[in-house]
Amino acid sequence: MADLLYFTFGSNMLQSQMRVRCPDARFRTTVRVDGYELCFPMISFTRGGMGVASIRHNKDAYVEGVVYEMTEDDFARMDRYENEGTKYRRANIKISGLEGVETYFSRLDDGHHYPPSEEYLNAVIQGATEHGLSEEYLQSLHQFRHKDGE
């Protein structure tokens, strides 16, 4: 069964998307990870030329998300979806109470913000809502609707 852990903070929180991408993945828990912030640092042409999510270090921030139990096959599929090695890099992330958790970080993060499409942001918000992330965090996600590119 699944023995690897994957932390997601973007559209992969959406259960229907994860069922398609990684059919053997199983929800483990929701988490808050201090010292990181959600960002949209790169453009995806499969997402209409709009921004897609990543996280970056910020000692004054936090990100909430979902941890899934995954198989090696799940990670191989996710590596393809996330263009691991080109657009994203898979790496360990320290999460209190869990060991061996991996996530995907944008390889292209120069501090810019590219607004996400309405559809993509709605998927992130719906996934966060499905998993009961905090009301404060949900409100912070909605703020990305009004944040212009930088």
N, C-alpha and C. Protein backbone atom coordinates (compact mmCIF):
# COMPACT_ATOMS: atom_id res chain seq x y z
N MET A 1 0.85 -1.19 0.00
CA MET A 1 0.00 0.00 0.00
C MET A 1 0.88 1.24 0.00
N ALA A 2 0.26 2.36 0.13
CA ALA A 2 0.97 3.64 0.09
C ALA A 2 1.87 3.78 1.30
N ASP A 3 3.10 4.18 1.05
CA ASP A 3 4.02 4.35 2.17
C ASP A 3 4.82 5.64 2.05
N LEU A 4 4.52 6.44 1.05
CA LEU A 4 5.19 7.71 0.83
C LEU A 4 4.20 8.84 1.10
N LEU A 5 4.69 9.98 1.56
CA LEU A 5 3.80 11.08 1.90
C LEU A 5 4.04 12.27 0.97
N TYR A 6 2.93 12.87 0.55
CA TYR A 6 2.95 14.00 -0.38
C TYR A 6 2.14 15.14 0.23
N PHE A 7 2.77 16.31 0.36
CA PHE A 7 2.09 17.52 0.82
C PHE A 7 1.71 18.36 -0.38
N THR A 8 0.42 18.69 -0.49
CA THR A 8 -0.06 19.53 -1.57
C THR A 8 -0.79 20.74 -1.02
N PHE A 9 -0.65 21.85 -1.71
CA PHE A 9 -1.18 23.14 -1.28
C PHE A 9 -1.95 23.82 -2.40
N GLY A 10 -1.93 23.24 -3.59
CA GLY A 10 -2.56 23.84 -4.76
C GLY A 10 -3.77 23.05 -5.23
N SER A 11 -3.92 22.96 -6.53
CA SER A 11 -5.11 22.30 -7.08
C SER A 11 -5.16 20.81 -6.78
N ASN A 12 -4.03 20.20 -6.41
CA ASN A 12 -4.04 18.78 -6.06
C ASN A 12 -4.73 18.51 -4.73
N MET A 13 -5.10 19.55 -4.00
CA MET A 13 -5.94 19.32 -2.82
C MET A 13 -7.33 18.85 -3.24
N LEU A 14 -7.73 19.18 -4.45
CA LEU A 14 -9.05 18.83 -4.96
C LEU A 14 -9.14 17.31 -5.13
N GLN A 15 -10.05 16.69 -4.39
CA GLN A 15 -10.13 15.23 -4.35
C GLN A 15 -10.37 14.62 -5.72
N SER A 16 -11.26 15.22 -6.51
CA SER A 16 -11.55 14.65 -7.83
C SER A 16 -10.32 14.67 -8.73
N GLN A 17 -9.50 15.70 -8.64
CA GLN A 17 -8.28 15.77 -9.44
C GLN A 17 -7.28 14.71 -8.99
N MET A 18 -7.13 14.54 -7.69
CA MET A 18 -6.20 13.52 -7.19
C MET A 18 -6.63 12.11 -7.56
N ARG A 19 -7.94 11.84 -7.56
CA ARG A 19 -8.41 10.50 -7.94
C ARG A 19 -8.00 10.17 -9.37
N VAL A 20 -8.03 11.17 -10.25
CA VAL A 20 -7.64 10.96 -11.65
C VAL A 20 -6.13 10.83 -11.76
N ARG A 21 -5.41 11.73 -11.13
CA ARG A 21 -3.95 11.75 -11.27
C ARG A 21 -3.26 10.61 -10.56
N CYS A 22 -3.71 10.30 -9.36
CA CYS A 22 -3.06 9.28 -8.52
C CYS A 22 -4.13 8.41 -7.88
N PRO A 23 -4.62 7.42 -8.60
CA PRO A 23 -5.76 6.63 -8.11
C PRO A 23 -5.51 5.86 -6.81
N ASP A 24 -4.25 5.61 -6.48
CA ASP A 24 -3.98 4.87 -5.25
C ASP A 24 -3.72 5.78 -4.05
N ALA A 25 -3.67 7.09 -4.28
CA ALA A 25 -3.40 8.04 -3.19
C ALA A 25 -4.56 8.05 -2.20
N ARG A 26 -4.21 8.17 -0.94
CA ARG A 26 -5.22 8.21 0.13
C ARG A 26 -4.96 9.41 1.03
N PHE A 27 -6.03 10.11 1.37
CA PHE A 27 -5.94 11.24 2.28
C PHE A 27 -5.38 10.78 3.61
N ARG A 28 -4.42 11.53 4.13
CA ARG A 28 -3.84 11.22 5.45
C ARG A 28 -4.27 12.26 6.49
N THR A 29 -3.99 13.55 6.20
CA THR A 29 -4.31 14.59 7.19
C THR A 29 -4.19 15.97 6.54
N THR A 30 -4.70 16.95 7.23
CA THR A 30 -4.45 18.34 6.86
C THR A 30 -3.37 18.87 7.78
N VAL A 31 -2.61 19.84 7.29
CA VAL A 31 -1.51 20.39 8.08
C VAL A 31 -1.36 21.89 7.84
N ARG A 32 -0.74 22.52 8.80
CA ARG A 32 -0.28 23.90 8.68
C ARG A 32 1.24 23.84 8.76
N VAL A 33 1.89 24.49 7.82
CA VAL A 33 3.35 24.48 7.77
C VAL A 33 3.83 25.93 7.92
N ASP A 34 4.43 26.22 9.07
CA ASP A 34 4.96 27.56 9.31
C ASP A 34 6.26 27.76 8.54
N GLY A 35 6.52 29.02 8.18
CA GLY A 35 7.76 29.36 7.51
C GLY A 35 7.69 29.31 5.99
N TYR A 36 6.50 29.13 5.45
CA TYR A 36 6.30 29.11 4.00
C TYR A 36 5.09 29.97 3.67
N GLU A 37 5.07 30.47 2.42
CA GLU A 37 3.91 31.18 1.92
C GLU A 37 3.51 30.61 0.57
N LEU A 38 2.21 30.66 0.29
CA LEU A 38 1.72 30.29 -1.02
C LEU A 38 2.07 31.40 -1.99
N CYS A 39 2.46 31.01 -3.21
CA CYS A 39 2.80 32.00 -4.23
C CYS A 39 2.41 31.43 -5.59
N PHE A 40 2.39 32.30 -6.57
CA PHE A 40 2.08 31.91 -7.95
C PHE A 40 3.21 32.46 -8.82
N PRO A 41 4.39 31.79 -8.79
CA PRO A 41 5.60 32.38 -9.36
C PRO A 41 5.88 32.05 -10.82
N MET A 42 5.04 31.25 -11.44
CA MET A 42 5.31 30.92 -12.84
C MET A 42 4.03 30.75 -13.62
N ILE A 43 4.17 30.87 -14.93
CA ILE A 43 3.04 30.79 -15.85
C ILE A 43 2.93 29.36 -16.38
N SER A 44 1.69 28.90 -16.52
CA SER A 44 1.44 27.60 -17.13
C SER A 44 0.59 27.80 -18.38
N PHE A 45 1.10 27.34 -19.51
CA PHE A 45 0.34 27.48 -20.74
C PHE A 45 -0.80 26.47 -20.81
N THR A 46 -0.74 25.40 -20.01
CA THR A 46 -1.87 24.49 -19.93
C THR A 46 -2.97 25.06 -19.03
N ARG A 47 -2.66 26.13 -18.32
CA ARG A 47 -3.63 26.82 -17.46
C ARG A 47 -3.93 28.21 -18.03
N GLY A 48 -3.94 28.32 -19.35
CA GLY A 48 -4.34 29.56 -19.99
C GLY A 48 -3.32 30.68 -19.90
N GLY A 49 -2.05 30.35 -19.71
CA GLY A 49 -1.03 31.38 -19.60
C GLY A 49 -1.10 32.16 -18.30
N MET A 50 -1.71 31.56 -17.29
CA MET A 50 -1.88 32.21 -15.99
C MET A 50 -0.96 31.55 -14.96
N GLY A 51 -0.92 32.14 -13.76
CA GLY A 51 -0.04 31.66 -12.71
C GLY A 51 -0.47 30.34 -12.11
N VAL A 52 0.52 29.58 -11.66
CA VAL A 52 0.26 28.33 -10.93
C VAL A 52 1.03 28.36 -9.62
N ALA A 53 0.57 27.56 -8.68
CA ALA A 53 0.99 27.64 -7.29
C ALA A 53 2.32 26.96 -7.00
N SER A 54 2.97 27.53 -6.02
CA SER A 54 4.14 26.93 -5.38
C SER A 54 4.16 27.48 -3.96
N ILE A 55 5.18 27.10 -3.22
CA ILE A 55 5.41 27.70 -1.91
C ILE A 55 6.86 28.14 -1.86
N ARG A 56 7.11 29.18 -1.05
CA ARG A 56 8.47 29.67 -0.87
C ARG A 56 8.68 29.99 0.60
N HIS A 57 9.92 29.98 1.01
CA HIS A 57 10.24 30.31 2.41
C HIS A 57 9.82 31.74 2.73
N ASN A 58 9.20 31.90 3.88
CA ASN A 58 8.87 33.20 4.46
C ASN A 58 8.65 32.95 5.94
N LYS A 59 9.60 33.39 6.76
CA LYS A 59 9.55 33.09 8.19
C LYS A 59 8.31 33.65 8.89
N ASP A 60 7.67 34.64 8.28
CA ASP A 60 6.51 35.29 8.89
C ASP A 60 5.18 34.76 8.37
N ALA A 61 5.20 33.68 7.61
CA ALA A 61 3.98 33.19 6.96
C ALA A 61 3.75 31.72 7.29
N TYR A 62 2.66 31.22 6.77
CA TYR A 62 2.35 29.78 6.86
C TYR A 62 1.51 29.40 5.66
N VAL A 63 1.52 28.12 5.38
CA VAL A 63 0.68 27.57 4.33
C VAL A 63 -0.06 26.38 4.92
N GLU A 64 -1.30 26.20 4.49
CA GLU A 64 -2.06 25.03 4.89
C GLU A 64 -2.25 24.14 3.67
N GLY A 65 -2.41 22.86 3.93
CA GLY A 65 -2.59 21.94 2.82
C GLY A 65 -2.95 20.55 3.29
N VAL A 66 -2.78 19.62 2.39
CA VAL A 66 -3.23 18.24 2.58
C VAL A 66 -2.03 17.30 2.40
N VAL A 67 -1.98 16.28 3.23
CA VAL A 67 -0.98 15.23 3.07
C VAL A 67 -1.70 13.97 2.61
N TYR A 68 -1.20 13.42 1.52
CA TYR A 68 -1.70 12.15 0.98
C TYR A 68 -0.66 11.07 1.17
N GLU A 69 -1.10 9.84 1.37
CA GLU A 69 -0.24 8.66 1.30
C GLU A 69 -0.22 8.24 -0.15
N MET A 70 0.98 8.02 -0.68
CA MET A 70 1.13 7.72 -2.10
C MET A 70 2.03 6.50 -2.29
N THR A 71 1.86 5.86 -3.43
CA THR A 71 2.75 4.78 -3.85
C THR A 71 3.83 5.35 -4.76
N GLU A 72 4.84 4.56 -5.05
CA GLU A 72 5.86 4.97 -6.02
C GLU A 72 5.21 5.26 -7.37
N ASP A 73 4.23 4.44 -7.78
CA ASP A 73 3.53 4.68 -9.04
C ASP A 73 2.78 6.01 -9.02
N ASP A 74 2.16 6.33 -7.88
CA ASP A 74 1.49 7.63 -7.76
C ASP A 74 2.48 8.77 -7.98
N PHE A 75 3.64 8.67 -7.33
CA PHE A 75 4.64 9.73 -7.47
C PHE A 75 5.17 9.80 -8.91
N ALA A 76 5.31 8.67 -9.55
CA ALA A 76 5.76 8.69 -10.95
C ALA A 76 4.74 9.42 -11.83
N ARG A 77 3.46 9.15 -11.59
CA ARG A 77 2.41 9.86 -12.34
C ARG A 77 2.42 11.35 -12.01
N MET A 78 2.56 11.67 -10.71
CA MET A 78 2.56 13.08 -10.31
C MET A 78 3.79 13.80 -10.87
N ASP A 79 4.93 13.13 -10.91
CA ASP A 79 6.12 13.74 -11.51
C ASP A 79 5.83 14.16 -12.95
N ARG A 80 5.11 13.33 -13.69
CA ARG A 80 4.77 13.69 -15.08
C ARG A 80 3.81 14.87 -15.12
N TYR A 81 2.78 14.85 -14.28
CA TYR A 81 1.82 15.96 -14.25
C TYR A 81 2.48 17.28 -13.88
N GLU A 82 3.42 17.23 -12.96
CA GLU A 82 4.07 18.45 -12.45
C GLU A 82 5.32 18.82 -13.23
N ASN A 83 5.63 18.05 -14.28
CA ASN A 83 6.85 18.30 -15.06
C ASN A 83 8.07 18.40 -14.15
N GLU A 84 8.20 17.39 -13.29
CA GLU A 84 9.28 17.37 -12.31
C GLU A 84 10.62 17.43 -13.06
N GLY A 85 11.47 18.33 -12.57
CA GLY A 85 12.76 18.52 -13.19
C GLY A 85 12.79 19.66 -14.19
N THR A 86 11.63 20.04 -14.70
CA THR A 86 11.54 21.15 -15.65
C THR A 86 10.85 22.34 -15.01
N LYS A 87 9.58 22.16 -14.64
CA LYS A 87 8.82 23.25 -14.01
C LYS A 87 8.86 23.17 -12.49
N TYR A 88 8.77 21.98 -11.96
CA TYR A 88 8.79 21.77 -10.52
C TYR A 88 9.91 20.82 -10.16
N ARG A 89 10.34 20.91 -8.90
CA ARG A 89 11.29 19.94 -8.36
C ARG A 89 10.65 19.32 -7.13
N ARG A 90 10.73 18.03 -7.04
CA ARG A 90 10.20 17.33 -5.87
C ARG A 90 11.28 17.29 -4.81
N ALA A 91 10.90 17.67 -3.58
CA ALA A 91 11.88 17.70 -2.49
C ALA A 91 11.18 17.46 -1.17
N ASN A 92 11.97 17.10 -0.18
CA ASN A 92 11.44 16.91 1.17
C ASN A 92 11.04 18.25 1.77
N ILE A 93 10.03 18.20 2.62
CA ILE A 93 9.61 19.36 3.40
C ILE A 93 9.39 18.89 4.82
N LYS A 94 9.88 19.66 5.77
CA LYS A 94 9.71 19.29 7.18
C LYS A 94 8.32 19.70 7.65
N ILE A 95 7.59 18.72 8.15
CA ILE A 95 6.25 18.94 8.71
C ILE A 95 6.22 18.26 10.06
N SER A 96 5.92 19.04 11.07
CA SER A 96 5.90 18.54 12.44
C SER A 96 5.01 17.30 12.56
N GLY A 97 5.57 16.25 13.17
CA GLY A 97 4.82 15.02 13.43
C GLY A 97 4.81 14.03 12.28
N LEU A 98 5.40 14.39 11.14
CA LEU A 98 5.44 13.50 9.98
C LEU A 98 6.88 13.40 9.48
N GLU A 99 7.23 12.25 8.95
CA GLU A 99 8.57 12.06 8.41
C GLU A 99 8.49 11.68 6.94
N GLY A 100 9.49 12.13 6.20
CA GLY A 100 9.61 11.72 4.80
C GLY A 100 8.56 12.32 3.88
N VAL A 101 8.11 13.54 4.17
CA VAL A 101 7.09 14.17 3.34
C VAL A 101 7.77 14.89 2.18
N GLU A 102 7.21 14.71 0.99
CA GLU A 102 7.72 15.40 -0.19
C GLU A 102 6.65 16.32 -0.76
N THR A 103 7.12 17.36 -1.44
CA THR A 103 6.22 18.28 -2.13
C THR A 103 6.92 18.76 -3.39
N TYR A 104 6.23 19.59 -4.14
CA TYR A 104 6.79 20.14 -5.37
C TYR A 104 6.97 21.64 -5.22
N PHE A 105 8.20 22.10 -5.49
CA PHE A 105 8.55 23.52 -5.47
C PHE A 105 8.79 23.98 -6.90
N SER A 106 8.35 25.18 -7.20
CA SER A 106 8.61 25.75 -8.51
C SER A 106 10.11 25.89 -8.72
N ARG A 107 10.57 25.51 -9.89
CA ARG A 107 11.98 25.72 -10.24
C ARG A 107 12.21 27.14 -10.73
N LEU A 108 11.12 27.84 -11.07
CA LEU A 108 11.20 29.19 -11.62
C LEU A 108 10.54 30.15 -10.63
N ASP A 109 11.28 30.62 -9.66
CA ASP A 109 10.70 31.52 -8.67
C ASP A 109 11.66 32.68 -8.42
N ASP A 110 11.45 33.76 -9.14
CA ASP A 110 12.29 34.95 -8.96
C ASP A 110 11.56 36.03 -8.17
N GLY A 111 10.49 35.64 -7.47
CA GLY A 111 9.75 36.57 -6.64
C GLY A 111 8.56 37.21 -7.31
N HIS A 112 8.37 36.95 -8.60
CA HIS A 112 7.23 37.50 -9.31
C HIS A 112 5.93 36.78 -8.92
N HIS A 113 4.82 37.47 -9.14
CA HIS A 113 3.50 36.89 -8.94
C HIS A 113 2.74 36.99 -10.26
N TYR A 114 2.26 35.85 -10.73
CA TYR A 114 1.44 35.81 -11.93
C TYR A 114 0.04 35.39 -11.50
N PRO A 115 -0.95 36.24 -11.68
CA PRO A 115 -2.30 35.91 -11.20
C PRO A 115 -2.79 34.58 -11.77
N PRO A 116 -3.37 33.76 -10.91
CA PRO A 116 -3.93 32.49 -11.37
C PRO A 116 -5.25 32.73 -12.11
N SER A 117 -5.62 31.79 -12.97
CA SER A 117 -6.93 31.88 -13.62
C SER A 117 -8.02 31.66 -12.57
N GLU A 118 -9.18 32.16 -12.86
CA GLU A 118 -10.32 31.97 -11.96
C GLU A 118 -10.59 30.48 -11.75
N GLU A 119 -10.52 29.72 -12.82
CA GLU A 119 -10.76 28.28 -12.74
C GLU A 119 -9.75 27.59 -11.83
N TYR A 120 -8.48 27.93 -12.00
CA TYR A 120 -7.43 27.31 -11.19
C TYR A 120 -7.56 27.71 -9.72
N LEU A 121 -7.75 29.00 -9.46
CA LEU A 121 -7.90 29.44 -8.07
C LEU A 121 -9.12 28.80 -7.44
N ASN A 122 -10.21 28.67 -8.19
CA ASN A 122 -11.40 28.00 -7.66
C ASN A 122 -11.11 26.55 -7.29
N ALA A 123 -10.28 25.87 -8.07
CA ALA A 123 -9.91 24.48 -7.75
C ALA A 123 -9.12 24.44 -6.44
N VAL A 124 -8.20 25.39 -6.25
CA VAL A 124 -7.43 25.44 -5.00
C VAL A 124 -8.37 25.69 -3.82
N ILE A 125 -9.27 26.65 -3.97
CA ILE A 125 -10.20 26.99 -2.88
C ILE A 125 -11.15 25.83 -2.61
N GLN A 126 -11.64 25.19 -3.65
CA GLN A 126 -12.55 24.06 -3.45
C GLN A 126 -11.84 22.92 -2.72
N GLY A 127 -10.59 22.64 -3.09
CA GLY A 127 -9.83 21.60 -2.40
C GLY A 127 -9.60 21.94 -0.95
N ALA A 128 -9.29 23.20 -0.68
CA ALA A 128 -9.09 23.65 0.71
C ALA A 128 -10.38 23.53 1.50
N THR A 129 -11.49 23.86 0.87
CA THR A 129 -12.80 23.78 1.53
C THR A 129 -13.18 22.33 1.79
N GLU A 130 -12.99 21.46 0.82
CA GLU A 130 -13.29 20.04 0.98
C GLU A 130 -12.59 19.43 2.19
N HIS A 131 -11.38 19.92 2.45
CA HIS A 131 -10.59 19.34 3.53
C HIS A 131 -10.67 20.13 4.83
N GLY A 132 -11.52 21.15 4.86
CA GLY A 132 -11.76 21.87 6.10
C GLY A 132 -10.59 22.71 6.58
N LEU A 133 -9.83 23.29 5.65
CA LEU A 133 -8.75 24.18 6.08
C LEU A 133 -9.36 25.39 6.79
N SER A 134 -8.56 26.09 7.56
CA SER A 134 -9.07 27.15 8.43
C SER A 134 -9.75 28.26 7.63
N GLU A 135 -10.72 28.89 8.26
CA GLU A 135 -11.44 30.00 7.63
C GLU A 135 -10.47 31.13 7.30
N GLU A 136 -9.54 31.40 8.19
CA GLU A 136 -8.54 32.44 7.94
C GLU A 136 -7.74 32.13 6.67
N TYR A 137 -7.35 30.89 6.51
CA TYR A 137 -6.57 30.52 5.33
C TYR A 137 -7.42 30.59 4.07
N LEU A 138 -8.67 30.14 4.16
CA LEU A 138 -9.57 30.24 3.00
C LEU A 138 -9.71 31.70 2.56
N GLN A 139 -9.84 32.59 3.52
CA GLN A 139 -9.93 34.02 3.19
C GLN A 139 -8.65 34.50 2.50
N SER A 140 -7.52 34.02 2.94
CA SER A 140 -6.26 34.44 2.31
C SER A 140 -6.20 33.94 0.86
N LEU A 141 -6.76 32.78 0.59
CA LEU A 141 -6.79 32.27 -0.79
C LEU A 141 -7.65 33.18 -1.67
N HIS A 142 -8.77 33.61 -1.15
CA HIS A 142 -9.65 34.51 -1.92
C HIS A 142 -8.95 35.81 -2.28
N GLN A 143 -8.00 36.24 -1.46
CA GLN A 143 -7.29 37.50 -1.72
C GLN A 143 -6.48 37.46 -3.01
N PHE A 144 -6.12 36.26 -3.47
CA PHE A 144 -5.36 36.15 -4.71
C PHE A 144 -6.18 36.59 -5.93
N ARG A 145 -7.50 36.66 -5.78
CA ARG A 145 -8.35 37.15 -6.86
C ARG A 145 -8.06 38.62 -7.16
N HIS A 146 -7.61 39.34 -6.16
CA HIS A 146 -7.45 40.79 -6.28
C HIS A 146 -5.99 41.22 -6.33
N LYS A 147 -5.09 40.27 -6.34
CA LYS A 147 -3.65 40.60 -6.34
C LYS A 147 -3.14 40.66 -7.77
N ASP A 148 -2.69 41.80 -8.18
CA ASP A 148 -2.15 41.98 -9.53
C ASP A 148 -0.76 41.37 -9.63
N GLY A 149 -0.35 41.16 -10.86
CA GLY A 149 1.00 40.66 -11.10
C GLY A 149 2.05 41.66 -10.65
N GLU A 150 3.18 41.15 -10.27
CA GLU A 150 4.28 42.01 -9.77
C GLU A 150 5.54 41.73 -10.57
